[in-house]
């Protein structure tokens, strides 16, 4: 059974940092593309960052230069380092795993959340001004 569990969310002031973690069970972690998504109340789900099994990364324009996605395959763990946080980063953050056979770019996959099969329950990030 595939499980994804996020941790590391919390409340922080603007300009601060948080590091999210996502631990996966039930499949060969290194064989998939992993992504971080977020959803704020009343807004659509947004792809934030993705990483392919080979280490290629892609970011939403809104977080480029501030967020860093990484993974530690030996620990089946995905990370999202978030620096220079802004109030508009406030959202529930989810990690997800895609098993799709995808011929497009990683950035295009990040915009197709329906192609990510497994999802965690999310961790809340709140940034105050």
Protein backbone atom coordinates (compact mmCIF):
# COMPACT_ATOMS: atom_id res chain seq x y z
CA UNK A 1 0.00 0.00 0.00
CA UNK A 2 1.41 3.33 -1.07
CA UNK A 3 1.53 6.03 1.60
CA UNK A 4 2.91 9.54 1.56
CA UNK A 5 3.21 11.49 4.80
CA UNK A 6 4.14 15.17 4.91
CA UNK A 7 5.61 17.05 7.86
CA UNK A 8 7.34 20.33 8.60
CA UNK A 9 4.57 22.83 8.07
CA UNK A 10 3.88 25.62 10.51
CA UNK A 11 3.52 29.36 10.99
CA UNK A 12 6.29 31.76 10.11
CA UNK A 13 6.70 35.46 9.48
CA UNK A 14 7.33 36.82 6.02
CA UNK A 15 10.95 36.39 5.02
CA UNK A 16 11.32 33.25 7.09
CA UNK A 17 12.01 29.68 6.08
CA UNK A 18 10.46 26.25 6.46
CA UNK A 19 11.52 22.80 5.31
CA UNK A 20 8.83 20.32 4.37
CA UNK A 21 9.44 16.58 4.29
CA UNK A 22 7.49 13.77 2.67
CA UNK A 23 8.23 10.14 3.46
CA UNK A 24 6.96 7.44 1.12
CA UNK A 25 6.15 3.79 1.69
CA UNK A 26 4.90 0.97 -0.47
CA UNK A 27 6.76 1.41 -3.76
CA UNK A 28 10.21 1.86 -5.23
CA UNK A 29 10.64 5.52 -4.42
CA UNK A 30 13.39 6.26 -6.92
CA UNK A 31 11.32 5.04 -9.86
CA UNK A 32 8.83 7.92 -9.95
CA UNK A 33 8.51 11.65 -10.42
CA UNK A 34 7.62 13.43 -7.21
CA UNK A 35 5.97 16.77 -6.78
CA UNK A 36 4.91 19.37 -4.25
CA UNK A 37 1.56 21.06 -4.72
CA UNK A 38 -0.33 23.64 -2.70
CA UNK A 39 -3.88 24.82 -2.38
CA UNK A 40 -5.12 27.91 -0.62
CA UNK A 41 -8.78 28.36 0.38
CA UNK A 42 -10.87 29.31 -2.63
CA UNK A 43 -8.02 28.74 -5.07
CA UNK A 44 -7.12 25.94 -7.44
CA UNK A 45 -4.41 23.44 -6.68
CA UNK A 46 -1.04 24.69 -7.90
CA UNK A 47 2.05 22.73 -8.79
CA UNK A 48 5.00 24.17 -6.86
CA UNK A 49 7.98 21.96 -7.68
CA UNK A 50 8.74 18.58 -9.18
CA UNK A 51 11.74 16.29 -9.33
CA UNK A 52 12.35 13.39 -11.67
CA UNK A 53 14.01 10.13 -10.68
CA UNK A 54 17.25 11.30 -12.29
CA UNK A 55 17.27 14.53 -10.30
CA UNK A 56 15.93 17.00 -12.88
CA UNK A 57 13.83 19.69 -11.21
CA UNK A 58 11.14 22.13 -12.23
CA UNK A 59 9.52 25.02 -10.36
CA UNK A 60 6.50 27.23 -10.67
CA UNK A 61 7.47 30.78 -11.61
CA UNK A 62 6.05 32.05 -8.32
CA UNK A 63 8.62 30.13 -6.25
CA UNK A 64 11.71 30.08 -8.48
CA UNK A 65 14.79 31.22 -6.61
CA UNK A 66 13.08 30.81 -3.24
CA UNK A 67 12.11 27.12 -3.03
CA UNK A 68 14.32 24.08 -3.54
CA UNK A 69 13.08 20.54 -4.07
CA UNK A 70 15.34 17.61 -3.28
CA UNK A 71 15.15 13.96 -2.40
CA UNK A 72 17.03 11.37 -0.44
CA UNK A 73 16.33 8.04 -2.10
CA UNK A 74 17.94 5.97 0.67
CA UNK A 75 15.36 7.38 3.07
CA UNK A 76 12.41 7.42 0.61
CA UNK A 77 12.06 11.09 1.47
CA UNK A 78 11.24 14.19 -0.53
CA UNK A 79 12.01 17.70 0.71
CA UNK A 80 10.94 21.24 -0.05
CA UNK A 81 13.15 23.97 1.35
CA UNK A 82 11.19 27.20 1.36
CA UNK A 83 13.07 30.46 1.89
CA UNK A 84 12.03 34.12 1.70
CA UNK A 85 8.46 33.09 2.39
CA UNK A 86 5.66 35.49 1.50
CA UNK A 87 2.09 35.72 2.80
CA UNK A 88 0.87 34.50 -0.61
CA UNK A 89 2.71 31.21 0.03
CA UNK A 90 0.11 30.42 2.70
CA UNK A 91 -1.61 27.16 1.73
CA UNK A 92 -1.94 23.48 2.45
CA UNK A 93 1.06 21.75 0.89
CA UNK A 94 0.85 18.24 -0.51
CA UNK A 95 3.42 15.85 -1.86
CA UNK A 96 2.47 13.50 -4.66
CA UNK A 97 3.90 10.67 -6.72
CA UNK A 98 3.39 10.23 -10.44
CA UNK A 99 3.69 6.89 -12.18
CA UNK A 100 2.67 8.35 -15.53
CA UNK A 101 4.55 7.48 -18.68
CA UNK A 102 5.18 11.07 -19.67
CA UNK A 103 6.84 12.25 -22.83
CA UNK A 104 6.63 15.95 -22.13
CA UNK A 105 8.71 18.21 -19.94
CA UNK A 106 8.77 18.03 -16.16
CA UNK A 107 7.31 21.54 -16.05
CA UNK A 108 4.35 20.39 -18.12
CA UNK A 109 3.85 17.41 -15.81
CA UNK A 110 3.82 19.76 -12.83
CA UNK A 111 0.81 21.50 -14.37
CA UNK A 112 -1.06 18.17 -14.70
CA UNK A 113 -1.89 17.26 -11.12
CA UNK A 114 -4.30 14.59 -12.36
CA UNK A 115 -1.26 12.58 -13.51
CA UNK A 116 -0.03 12.26 -9.93
CA UNK A 117 -1.60 9.08 -8.61
CA UNK A 118 -0.75 9.13 -4.92
CA UNK A 119 -1.10 12.03 -2.52
CA UNK A 120 -0.33 12.78 1.08
CA UNK A 121 -2.82 14.42 3.41
CA UNK A 122 -1.00 17.72 3.43
CA UNK A 123 0.75 20.02 5.86
CA UNK A 124 -0.34 23.60 6.52
CA UNK A 125 2.00 26.51 5.88
CA UNK A 126 0.96 29.94 7.16
CA UNK A 127 3.04 33.04 6.47
CA UNK A 128 2.15 36.23 8.29
CA UNK A 129 3.10 39.72 7.18
